[in-house]
Amino acid sequence: MNDQIDKTTEWVCDKCRQALVPQKVKVRYLDGNFEVDLLKCPTCHMVFISDELAMGKMLEVEKGLEDK
């Protein structure tokens, strides 16, 4: 899960009104732990996951883990 972060769009946290910054984020699903570069609010730590990532690569990984 090492998709590129969209650096052409400035994403802003709706709650804090702070610009989201790319950071390594720990993601857990079933027995798997992954470190992924995602956009994260520096204030409230909410993470942004794009539709493309959620319905693309993450869905692919999820299906692979569930098949094990």
N, C-alpha and C. Protein backbone atom coordinates (compact mmCIF):
# COMPACT_ATOMS: atom_id res chain seq x y z
N MET A 1 0.84 -1.18 0.00
CA MET A 1 0.00 0.00 0.00
C MET A 1 0.88 1.24 0.00
N ASN A 2 1.58 1.48 -1.05
CA ASN A 2 2.48 2.61 -1.10
C ASN A 2 2.07 3.53 -2.23
N ASP A 3 0.79 3.88 -2.30
CA ASP A 3 0.31 4.77 -3.36
C ASP A 3 0.82 6.17 -3.11
N GLN A 4 0.98 6.92 -4.19
CA GLN A 4 1.45 8.30 -4.09
C GLN A 4 0.37 9.19 -3.49
N ILE A 5 0.79 10.15 -2.69
CA ILE A 5 -0.11 11.15 -2.12
C ILE A 5 -0.28 12.26 -3.14
N ASP A 6 -1.51 12.70 -3.34
CA ASP A 6 -1.80 13.80 -4.26
C ASP A 6 -1.26 15.10 -3.68
N LYS A 7 -0.16 15.60 -4.26
CA LYS A 7 0.45 16.82 -3.75
C LYS A 7 -0.02 18.05 -4.50
N THR A 8 -0.91 17.88 -5.48
CA THR A 8 -1.40 19.03 -6.24
C THR A 8 -2.60 19.69 -5.57
N THR A 9 -3.29 18.96 -4.71
CA THR A 9 -4.46 19.49 -4.01
C THR A 9 -4.10 19.73 -2.55
N GLU A 10 -4.42 20.92 -2.04
CA GLU A 10 -4.19 21.16 -0.62
C GLU A 10 -5.45 20.78 0.14
N TRP A 11 -5.36 19.69 0.89
CA TRP A 11 -6.48 19.20 1.67
C TRP A 11 -6.44 19.87 3.03
N VAL A 12 -7.62 20.23 3.55
CA VAL A 12 -7.73 20.92 4.83
C VAL A 12 -8.69 20.14 5.72
N CYS A 13 -8.33 20.00 6.99
CA CYS A 13 -9.19 19.32 7.97
C CYS A 13 -10.46 20.15 8.17
N ASP A 14 -11.61 19.53 8.03
CA ASP A 14 -12.88 20.22 8.19
C ASP A 14 -13.09 20.68 9.63
N LYS A 15 -12.62 19.91 10.58
CA LYS A 15 -12.81 20.22 11.99
C LYS A 15 -11.86 21.34 12.45
N CYS A 16 -10.58 21.23 12.11
CA CYS A 16 -9.56 22.13 12.65
C CYS A 16 -9.15 23.26 11.69
N ARG A 17 -9.51 23.11 10.43
CA ARG A 17 -9.12 24.08 9.40
C ARG A 17 -7.61 24.18 9.23
N GLN A 18 -6.92 23.07 9.51
CA GLN A 18 -5.47 22.99 9.33
C GLN A 18 -5.18 22.21 8.05
N ALA A 19 -4.11 22.59 7.36
CA ALA A 19 -3.70 21.85 6.17
C ALA A 19 -3.23 20.45 6.58
N LEU A 20 -3.67 19.45 5.83
CA LEU A 20 -3.24 18.07 6.10
C LEU A 20 -1.81 17.90 5.61
N VAL A 21 -1.04 17.12 6.35
CA VAL A 21 0.37 16.90 6.01
C VAL A 21 0.61 15.41 5.79
N PRO A 22 1.49 15.06 4.84
CA PRO A 22 1.80 13.64 4.62
C PRO A 22 2.60 13.09 5.80
N GLN A 23 2.14 11.96 6.32
CA GLN A 23 2.83 11.30 7.44
C GLN A 23 2.67 9.79 7.31
N LYS A 24 3.60 9.07 7.93
CA LYS A 24 3.45 7.62 8.03
C LYS A 24 2.37 7.33 9.07
N VAL A 25 1.40 6.49 8.69
CA VAL A 25 0.28 6.15 9.57
C VAL A 25 0.23 4.63 9.70
N LYS A 26 0.02 4.15 10.92
CA LYS A 26 -0.11 2.71 11.14
C LYS A 26 -1.56 2.31 10.89
N VAL A 27 -1.74 1.32 10.04
CA VAL A 27 -3.06 0.81 9.68
C VAL A 27 -3.12 -0.65 10.09
N ARG A 28 -4.21 -1.02 10.79
CA ARG A 28 -4.40 -2.43 11.19
C ARG A 28 -5.67 -2.96 10.56
N TYR A 29 -5.58 -4.20 10.06
CA TYR A 29 -6.77 -4.88 9.55
C TYR A 29 -6.58 -6.36 9.78
N LEU A 30 -7.54 -6.99 10.44
CA LEU A 30 -7.44 -8.40 10.84
C LEU A 30 -6.12 -8.59 11.58
N ASP A 31 -5.26 -9.48 11.12
CA ASP A 31 -3.98 -9.71 11.80
C ASP A 31 -2.84 -8.94 11.16
N GLY A 32 -3.15 -8.08 10.20
CA GLY A 32 -2.10 -7.36 9.49
C GLY A 32 -1.88 -5.95 10.02
N ASN A 33 -0.62 -5.54 10.10
CA ASN A 33 -0.24 -4.19 10.48
C ASN A 33 0.57 -3.61 9.33
N PHE A 34 0.23 -2.39 8.93
CA PHE A 34 0.89 -1.77 7.79
C PHE A 34 1.24 -0.33 8.14
N GLU A 35 2.32 0.17 7.58
CA GLU A 35 2.67 1.58 7.69
C GLU A 35 2.50 2.19 6.31
N VAL A 36 1.68 3.24 6.24
CA VAL A 36 1.31 3.82 4.96
C VAL A 36 1.48 5.34 5.03
N ASP A 37 1.94 5.95 3.94
CA ASP A 37 2.00 7.41 3.85
C ASP A 37 0.61 7.93 3.51
N LEU A 38 0.00 8.68 4.42
CA LEU A 38 -1.31 9.26 4.21
C LEU A 38 -1.32 10.71 4.68
N LEU A 39 -2.36 11.46 4.29
CA LEU A 39 -2.51 12.83 4.75
C LEU A 39 -3.18 12.82 6.12
N LYS A 40 -2.61 13.61 7.06
CA LYS A 40 -3.09 13.59 8.44
C LYS A 40 -3.13 15.02 8.98
N CYS A 41 -4.15 15.31 9.79
CA CYS A 41 -4.26 16.62 10.42
C CYS A 41 -3.25 16.70 11.56
N PRO A 42 -2.42 17.74 11.59
CA PRO A 42 -1.43 17.86 12.66
C PRO A 42 -2.05 18.20 14.02
N THR A 43 -3.30 18.65 14.03
CA THR A 43 -3.95 19.05 15.27
C THR A 43 -4.77 17.92 15.89
N CYS A 44 -5.75 17.39 15.14
CA CYS A 44 -6.64 16.36 15.70
C CYS A 44 -6.23 14.94 15.28
N HIS A 45 -5.26 14.83 14.37
CA HIS A 45 -4.70 13.55 13.92
C HIS A 45 -5.66 12.71 13.08
N MET A 46 -6.74 13.32 12.58
CA MET A 46 -7.65 12.62 11.67
C MET A 46 -6.90 12.34 10.37
N VAL A 47 -7.13 11.17 9.79
CA VAL A 47 -6.43 10.75 8.57
C VAL A 47 -7.39 10.80 7.40
N PHE A 48 -6.89 11.28 6.25
CA PHE A 48 -7.69 11.32 5.03
C PHE A 48 -7.32 10.13 4.15
N ILE A 49 -8.35 9.36 3.76
CA ILE A 49 -8.16 8.24 2.83
C ILE A 49 -9.05 8.52 1.63
N SER A 50 -8.43 8.68 0.47
CA SER A 50 -9.18 9.02 -0.74
C SER A 50 -10.05 7.84 -1.18
N ASP A 51 -11.08 8.13 -1.97
CA ASP A 51 -11.93 7.08 -2.53
C ASP A 51 -11.10 6.11 -3.36
N GLU A 52 -10.16 6.66 -4.13
CA GLU A 52 -9.33 5.82 -4.99
C GLU A 52 -8.52 4.82 -4.18
N LEU A 53 -7.97 5.28 -3.06
CA LEU A 53 -7.18 4.39 -2.21
C LEU A 53 -8.08 3.37 -1.52
N ALA A 54 -9.21 3.83 -0.97
CA ALA A 54 -10.12 2.94 -0.23
C ALA A 54 -10.72 1.87 -1.13
N MET A 55 -11.12 2.24 -2.33
CA MET A 55 -11.78 1.30 -3.23
C MET A 55 -10.81 0.61 -4.17
N GLY A 56 -9.56 1.01 -4.13
CA GLY A 56 -8.55 0.40 -4.99
C GLY A 56 -7.61 -0.50 -4.21
N LYS A 57 -6.49 0.06 -3.83
CA LYS A 57 -5.42 -0.72 -3.20
C LYS A 57 -5.85 -1.30 -1.85
N MET A 58 -6.55 -0.52 -1.02
CA MET A 58 -6.95 -1.04 0.30
C MET A 58 -7.94 -2.19 0.16
N LEU A 59 -8.87 -2.07 -0.77
CA LEU A 59 -9.83 -3.14 -1.00
C LEU A 59 -9.12 -4.40 -1.48
N GLU A 60 -8.13 -4.22 -2.34
CA GLU A 60 -7.34 -5.35 -2.85
C GLU A 60 -6.60 -6.05 -1.71
N VAL A 61 -5.98 -5.29 -0.84
CA VAL A 61 -5.26 -5.86 0.31
C VAL A 61 -6.23 -6.54 1.27
N GLU A 62 -7.39 -5.89 1.51
CA GLU A 62 -8.41 -6.47 2.39
C GLU A 62 -8.87 -7.84 1.89
N LYS A 63 -9.15 -7.94 0.61
CA LYS A 63 -9.59 -9.21 0.03
C LYS A 63 -8.50 -10.27 0.15
N GLY A 64 -7.25 -9.87 -0.05
CA GLY A 64 -6.14 -10.80 0.07
C GLY A 64 -5.99 -11.33 1.49
N LEU A 65 -6.16 -10.45 2.48
CA LEU A 65 -6.06 -10.87 3.88
C LEU A 65 -7.21 -11.78 4.28
N GLU A 66 -8.42 -11.47 3.79
CA GLU A 66 -9.58 -12.29 4.15
C GLU A 66 -9.50 -13.68 3.54
N ASP A 67 -8.79 -13.82 2.42
CA ASP A 67 -8.65 -15.12 1.77
C ASP A 67 -7.69 -16.03 2.50
N LYS A 68 -6.86 -15.48 3.38
CA LYS A 68 -5.86 -16.30 4.09
C LYS A 68 -6.47 -17.13 5.18
